[in-house]
Amino acid sequence: MLVNPTDAVRTESNLKEVDTAARAIGLQVHIVNASTIAEIDAAFATLVRERLDAIFVVPDSFFNSRRVQLANLAARFALPSAFGQREYCEVGGLMSYGTNLADGRRQIGSYAGRILKGARAADLPVVQATNFELVINLTTARMLGLTVPPTLLSTADEVIE
């Protein structure tokens, strides 16, 4: 799991959730930190040296800005990769599962419109994301020699070929 240690709140939350899920299915999580471009390269060197099976990149604004680098490194080292946003799959990442950012941006626009019409921000309800999407890059799966089960493909919101 690749995490940005400068985002302690998000990192702590994700670590607990992933560790719990991994234990439930008998997997061990290895944490690799990166908060600079050079540290991303070093993190992948660690992943390869330790022969880890896959990488999950914790959602983070720094990682989002480096998504091409992350997808390229995962491909170069033949590491199956999972991300929290579809944009990674669009540049070659294997799969993503997370909130639909376009839906979130629409919700932000709706809130802004309500405030501009006189609503007080403090009176608006807190809304949690309800629209999640699974995206699979089948081209990347083939390049990695992976067969994606048809049942998973049929449940994906988008399959990139």
C-alpha atoms as a PDB file:
ATOM      1  CA  MET A   1       0.000   0.000   0.000  1.00  0.00           C
ATOM      2  CA  LEU A   2       1.447   3.352  -1.060  1.00  0.00           C
ATOM      3  CA  VAL A   3       0.622   6.189   1.318  1.00  0.00           C
ATOM      4  CA  ASN A   4       1.561   9.827   1.607  1.00  0.00           C
ATOM      5  CA  PRO A   5       2.770  10.305   5.194  1.00  0.00           C
ATOM      6  CA  THR A   6       2.117  14.057   5.023  1.00  0.00           C
ATOM      7  CA  ASP A   7      -1.645  13.346   4.943  1.00  0.00           C
ATOM      8  CA  ALA A   8      -1.789  11.733   8.388  1.00  0.00           C
ATOM      9  CA  VAL A   9      -5.583  11.837   8.846  1.00  0.00           C
ATOM     10  CA  ARG A  10      -6.432  10.180   5.538  1.00  0.00           C
ATOM     11  CA  THR A  11      -3.541   7.755   5.850  1.00  0.00           C
ATOM     12  CA  GLU A  12      -4.549   6.582   9.344  1.00  0.00           C
ATOM     13  CA  SER A  13      -8.160   6.044   8.272  1.00  0.00           C
ATOM     14  CA  ASN A  14      -7.188   4.047   5.174  1.00  0.00           C
ATOM     15  CA  LEU A  15      -4.610   1.958   7.025  1.00  0.00           C
ATOM     16  CA  LYS A  16      -7.157   0.738   9.546  1.00  0.00           C
ATOM     17  CA  GLU A  17      -9.726  -0.152   6.885  1.00  0.00           C
ATOM     18  CA  VAL A  18      -7.261  -1.919   4.614  1.00  0.00           C
ATOM     19  CA  ASP A  19      -5.594  -3.792   7.461  1.00  0.00           C
ATOM     20  CA  THR A  20      -8.969  -5.052   8.704  1.00  0.00           C
ATOM     21  CA  ALA A  21     -10.025  -6.162   5.229  1.00  0.00           C
ATOM     22  CA  ALA A  22      -6.660  -7.805   4.517  1.00  0.00           C
ATOM     23  CA  ARG A  23      -6.720  -9.808   7.737  1.00  0.00           C
ATOM     24  CA  ALA A  24     -10.245 -11.015   6.963  1.00  0.00           C
ATOM     25  CA  ILE A  25      -8.983 -12.680   3.766  1.00  0.00           C
ATOM     26  CA  GLY A  26      -5.587 -13.759   5.075  1.00  0.00           C
ATOM     27  CA  LEU A  27      -3.407 -11.134   3.430  1.00  0.00           C
ATOM     28  CA  GLN A  28      -0.598  -9.074   4.866  1.00  0.00           C
ATOM     29  CA  VAL A  29      -0.311  -5.351   4.116  1.00  0.00           C
ATOM     30  CA  HIS A  30       3.066  -3.740   3.537  1.00  0.00           C
ATOM     31  CA  ILE A  31       3.104   0.060   3.861  1.00  0.00           C
ATOM     32  CA  VAL A  32       5.388   2.130   1.644  1.00  0.00           C
ATOM     33  CA  ASN A  33       5.564   5.905   2.108  1.00  0.00           C
ATOM     34  CA  ALA A  34       6.095   8.550  -0.572  1.00  0.00           C
ATOM     35  CA  SER A  35       5.578  12.301  -0.550  1.00  0.00           C
ATOM     36  CA  THR A  36       7.910  13.354  -3.381  1.00  0.00           C
ATOM     37  CA  ILE A  37       8.528  12.254  -6.956  1.00  0.00           C
ATOM     38  CA  ALA A  38      11.837  10.620  -5.977  1.00  0.00           C
ATOM     39  CA  GLU A  39      10.177   8.801  -3.070  1.00  0.00           C
ATOM     40  CA  ILE A  40       7.612   7.319  -5.467  1.00  0.00           C
ATOM     41  CA  ASP A  41      10.460   5.832  -7.523  1.00  0.00           C
ATOM     42  CA  ALA A  42      12.109   4.540  -4.337  1.00  0.00           C
ATOM     43  CA  ALA A  43       8.800   3.067  -3.146  1.00  0.00           C
ATOM     44  CA  PHE A  44       8.441   1.044  -6.332  1.00  0.00           C
ATOM     45  CA  ALA A  45      12.040  -0.145  -6.016  1.00  0.00           C
ATOM     46  CA  THR A  46      11.122  -1.389  -2.521  1.00  0.00           C
ATOM     47  CA  LEU A  47       7.980  -3.108  -3.821  1.00  0.00           C
ATOM     48  CA  VAL A  48       9.984  -4.922  -6.492  1.00  0.00           C
ATOM     49  CA  ARG A  49      12.878  -5.810  -4.178  1.00  0.00           C
ATOM     50  CA  GLU A  50      10.468  -7.277  -1.609  1.00  0.00           C
ATOM     51  CA  ARG A  51       8.522  -9.114  -4.354  1.00  0.00           C
ATOM     52  CA  LEU A  52       5.125  -7.798  -3.332  1.00  0.00           C
ATOM     53  CA  ASP A  53       2.128  -9.022  -5.308  1.00  0.00           C
ATOM     54  CA  ALA A  54       0.234  -5.797  -6.004  1.00  0.00           C
ATOM     55  CA  ILE A  55      -0.049  -2.143  -5.067  1.00  0.00           C
ATOM     56  CA  PHE A  56      -2.953  -0.122  -3.725  1.00  0.00           C
ATOM     57  CA  VAL A  57      -2.415   3.634  -3.904  1.00  0.00           C
ATOM     58  CA  VAL A  58      -4.260   5.499  -1.158  1.00  0.00           C
ATOM     59  CA  PRO A  59      -6.272   8.414  -2.565  1.00  0.00           C
ATOM     60  CA  ASP A  60      -4.237  11.596  -2.178  1.00  0.00           C
ATOM     61  CA  SER A  61      -3.988  14.881  -4.096  1.00  0.00           C
ATOM     62  CA  PHE A  62      -0.206  14.509  -4.552  1.00  0.00           C
ATOM     63  CA  PHE A  63      -0.633  11.004  -5.966  1.00  0.00           C
ATOM     64  CA  ASN A  64      -3.424  12.265  -8.228  1.00  0.00           C
ATOM     65  CA  SER A  65      -0.980  14.755  -9.735  1.00  0.00           C
ATOM     66  CA  ARG A  66       1.487  11.885 -10.305  1.00  0.00           C
ATOM     67  CA  ARG A  67      -1.013   9.323 -11.649  1.00  0.00           C
ATOM     68  CA  VAL A  68       0.823   8.863 -14.972  1.00  0.00           C
ATOM     69  CA  GLN A  69       4.092   8.187 -13.130  1.00  0.00           C
ATOM     70  CA  LEU A  70       2.338   5.718 -10.812  1.00  0.00           C
ATOM     71  CA  ALA A  71       0.569   3.855 -13.631  1.00  0.00           C
ATOM     72  CA  ASN A  72       3.773   3.708 -15.695  1.00  0.00           C
ATOM     73  CA  LEU A  73       5.832   2.354 -12.791  1.00  0.00           C
ATOM     74  CA  ALA A  74       3.204  -0.282 -12.024  1.00  0.00           C
ATOM     75  CA  ALA A  75       3.268  -1.351 -15.682  1.00  0.00           C
ATOM     76  CA  ARG A  76       7.073  -1.305 -15.923  1.00  0.00           C
ATOM     77  CA  PHE A  77       7.406  -3.562 -12.881  1.00  0.00           C
ATOM     78  CA  ALA A  78       4.356  -5.697 -13.809  1.00  0.00           C
ATOM     79  CA  LEU A  79       2.584  -4.887 -10.542  1.00  0.00           C
ATOM     80  CA  PRO A  80      -1.190  -5.140 -10.552  1.00  0.00           C
ATOM     81  CA  SER A  81      -2.416  -1.774  -9.290  1.00  0.00           C
ATOM     82  CA  ALA A  82      -5.580  -0.547  -7.621  1.00  0.00           C
ATOM     83  CA  PHE A  83      -6.549   3.054  -7.095  1.00  0.00           C
ATOM     84  CA  GLY A  84      -9.368   5.079  -5.607  1.00  0.00           C
ATOM     85  CA  GLN A  85     -10.178   7.078  -8.749  1.00  0.00           C
ATOM     86  CA  ARG A  86     -10.959   6.226 -12.352  1.00  0.00           C
ATOM     87  CA  GLU A  87      -8.435   8.721 -13.745  1.00  0.00           C
ATOM     88  CA  TYR A  88      -5.628   6.281 -12.924  1.00  0.00           C
ATOM     89  CA  CYS A  89      -7.203   3.618 -15.137  1.00  0.00           C
ATOM     90  CA  GLU A  90      -7.527   6.105 -17.945  1.00  0.00           C
ATOM     91  CA  VAL A  91      -3.715   6.435 -17.968  1.00  0.00           C
ATOM     92  CA  GLY A  92      -2.958   2.713 -17.629  1.00  0.00           C
ATOM     93  CA  GLY A  93      -3.695   1.679 -14.038  1.00  0.00           C
ATOM     94  CA  LEU A  94      -5.291  -1.754 -13.706  1.00  0.00           C
ATOM     95  CA  MET A  95      -8.403  -0.959 -11.688  1.00  0.00           C
ATOM     96  CA  SER A  96     -10.068   1.601  -9.491  1.00  0.00           C
ATOM     97  CA  TYR A  97     -12.920   1.641  -7.075  1.00  0.00           C
ATOM     98  CA  GLY A  98     -14.015   4.860  -5.487  1.00  0.00           C
ATOM     99  CA  THR A  99     -16.352   7.767  -5.496  1.00  0.00           C
ATOM    100  CA  ASN A 100     -17.428   9.288  -8.750  1.00  0.00           C
ATOM    101  CA  LEU A 101     -15.593  12.630  -8.771  1.00  0.00           C
ATOM    102  CA  ALA A 102     -17.881  14.150 -11.394  1.00  0.00           C
ATOM    103  CA  ASP A 103     -20.853  13.375  -9.149  1.00  0.00           C
ATOM    104  CA  GLY A 104     -19.053  14.984  -6.208  1.00  0.00           C
ATOM    105  CA  ARG A 105     -18.319  18.097  -8.239  1.00  0.00           C
ATOM    106  CA  ARG A 106     -21.993  18.363  -9.198  1.00  0.00           C
ATOM    107  CA  GLN A 107     -22.888  18.146  -5.517  1.00  0.00           C
ATOM    108  CA  ILE A 108     -20.411  20.938  -4.733  1.00  0.00           C
ATOM    109  CA  GLY A 109     -22.012  23.052  -7.452  1.00  0.00           C
ATOM    110  CA  SER A 110     -25.437  22.384  -5.984  1.00  0.00           C
ATOM    111  CA  TYR A 111     -24.244  23.476  -2.553  1.00  0.00           C
ATOM    112  CA  ALA A 112     -22.646  26.611  -3.993  1.00  0.00           C
ATOM    113  CA  GLY A 113     -25.906  27.448  -5.791  1.00  0.00           C
ATOM    114  CA  ARG A 114     -27.913  27.051  -2.586  1.00  0.00           C
ATOM    115  CA  ILE A 115     -25.502  29.316  -0.701  1.00  0.00           C
ATOM    116  CA  LEU A 116     -25.657  31.927  -3.451  1.00  0.00           C
ATOM    117  CA  LYS A 117     -29.454  31.847  -3.158  1.00  0.00           C
ATOM    118  CA  GLY A 118     -29.188  32.689   0.552  1.00  0.00           C
ATOM    119  CA  ALA A 119     -28.893  29.367   2.375  1.00  0.00           C
ATOM    120  CA  ARG A 120     -26.496  29.322   5.299  1.00  0.00           C
ATOM    121  CA  ALA A 121     -23.668  26.825   4.845  1.00  0.00           C
ATOM    122  CA  ALA A 122     -24.108  25.667   8.451  1.00  0.00           C
ATOM    123  CA  ASP A 123     -27.738  24.759   7.714  1.00  0.00           C
ATOM    124  CA  LEU A 124     -26.951  22.527   4.746  1.00  0.00           C
ATOM    125  CA  PRO A 125     -26.859  18.787   5.437  1.00  0.00           C
ATOM    126  CA  VAL A 126     -23.640  16.858   5.322  1.00  0.00           C
ATOM    127  CA  VAL A 127     -23.818  14.533   2.342  1.00  0.00           C
ATOM    128  CA  GLN A 128     -21.795  11.365   1.976  1.00  0.00           C
ATOM    129  CA  ALA A 129     -20.838   9.943  -1.368  1.00  0.00           C
ATOM    130  CA  THR A 130     -23.320   7.354  -2.568  1.00  0.00           C
ATOM    131  CA  ASN A 131     -22.143   6.901  -6.139  1.00  0.00           C
ATOM    132  CA  PHE A 132     -19.114   4.580  -6.346  1.00  0.00           C
ATOM    133  CA  GLU A 133     -17.655   3.175  -9.521  1.00  0.00           C
ATOM    134  CA  LEU A 134     -15.502   0.228 -10.470  1.00  0.00           C
ATOM    135  CA  VAL A 135     -13.295   0.744 -13.518  1.00  0.00           C
ATOM    136  CA  ILE A 136     -11.120  -1.996 -15.013  1.00  0.00           C
ATOM    137  CA  ASN A 137      -8.464  -1.443 -17.641  1.00  0.00           C
ATOM    138  CA  LEU A 138      -8.638  -4.700 -19.590  1.00  0.00           C
ATOM    139  CA  THR A 139      -5.698  -3.702 -21.792  1.00  0.00           C
ATOM    140  CA  THR A 140      -3.501  -3.427 -18.697  1.00  0.00           C
ATOM    141  CA  ALA A 141      -4.850  -6.727 -17.340  1.00  0.00           C
ATOM    142  CA  ARG A 142      -3.872  -8.470 -20.584  1.00  0.00           C
ATOM    143  CA  MET A 143      -0.428  -6.849 -20.522  1.00  0.00           C
ATOM    144  CA  LEU A 144       0.058  -8.208 -16.978  1.00  0.00           C
ATOM    145  CA  GLY A 145      -1.130 -11.661 -18.059  1.00  0.00           C
ATOM    146  CA  LEU A 146      -4.186 -11.457 -15.810  1.00  0.00           C
ATOM    147  CA  THR A 147      -7.572 -12.919 -16.600  1.00  0.00           C
ATOM    148  CA  VAL A 148     -10.379 -10.823 -15.164  1.00  0.00           C
ATOM    149  CA  PRO A 149     -13.358 -12.998 -14.262  1.00  0.00           C
ATOM    150  CA  PRO A 150     -16.432 -12.330 -16.416  1.00  0.00           C
ATOM    151  CA  THR A 151     -18.516 -11.762 -13.286  1.00  0.00           C
ATOM    152  CA  LEU A 152     -16.208  -8.914 -12.255  1.00  0.00           C
ATOM    153  CA  LEU A 153     -16.247  -7.456 -15.759  1.00  0.00           C
ATOM    154  CA  SER A 154     -20.046  -7.545 -15.779  1.00  0.00           C
ATOM    155  CA  THR A 155     -20.248  -5.606 -12.511  1.00  0.00           C
ATOM    156  CA  ALA A 156     -17.738  -2.940 -13.579  1.00  0.00           C
ATOM    157  CA  ASP A 157     -19.113   0.498 -14.344  1.00  0.00           C
ATOM    158  CA  GLU A 158     -16.583   0.805 -17.143  1.00  0.00           C
ATOM    159  CA  VAL A 159     -14.155  -1.551 -18.857  1.00  0.00           C
ATOM    160  CA  ILE A 160     -11.348   0.156 -20.753  1.00  0.00           C
ATOM    161  CA  GLU A 161     -10.148  -1.827 -23.781  1.00  0.00           C
END
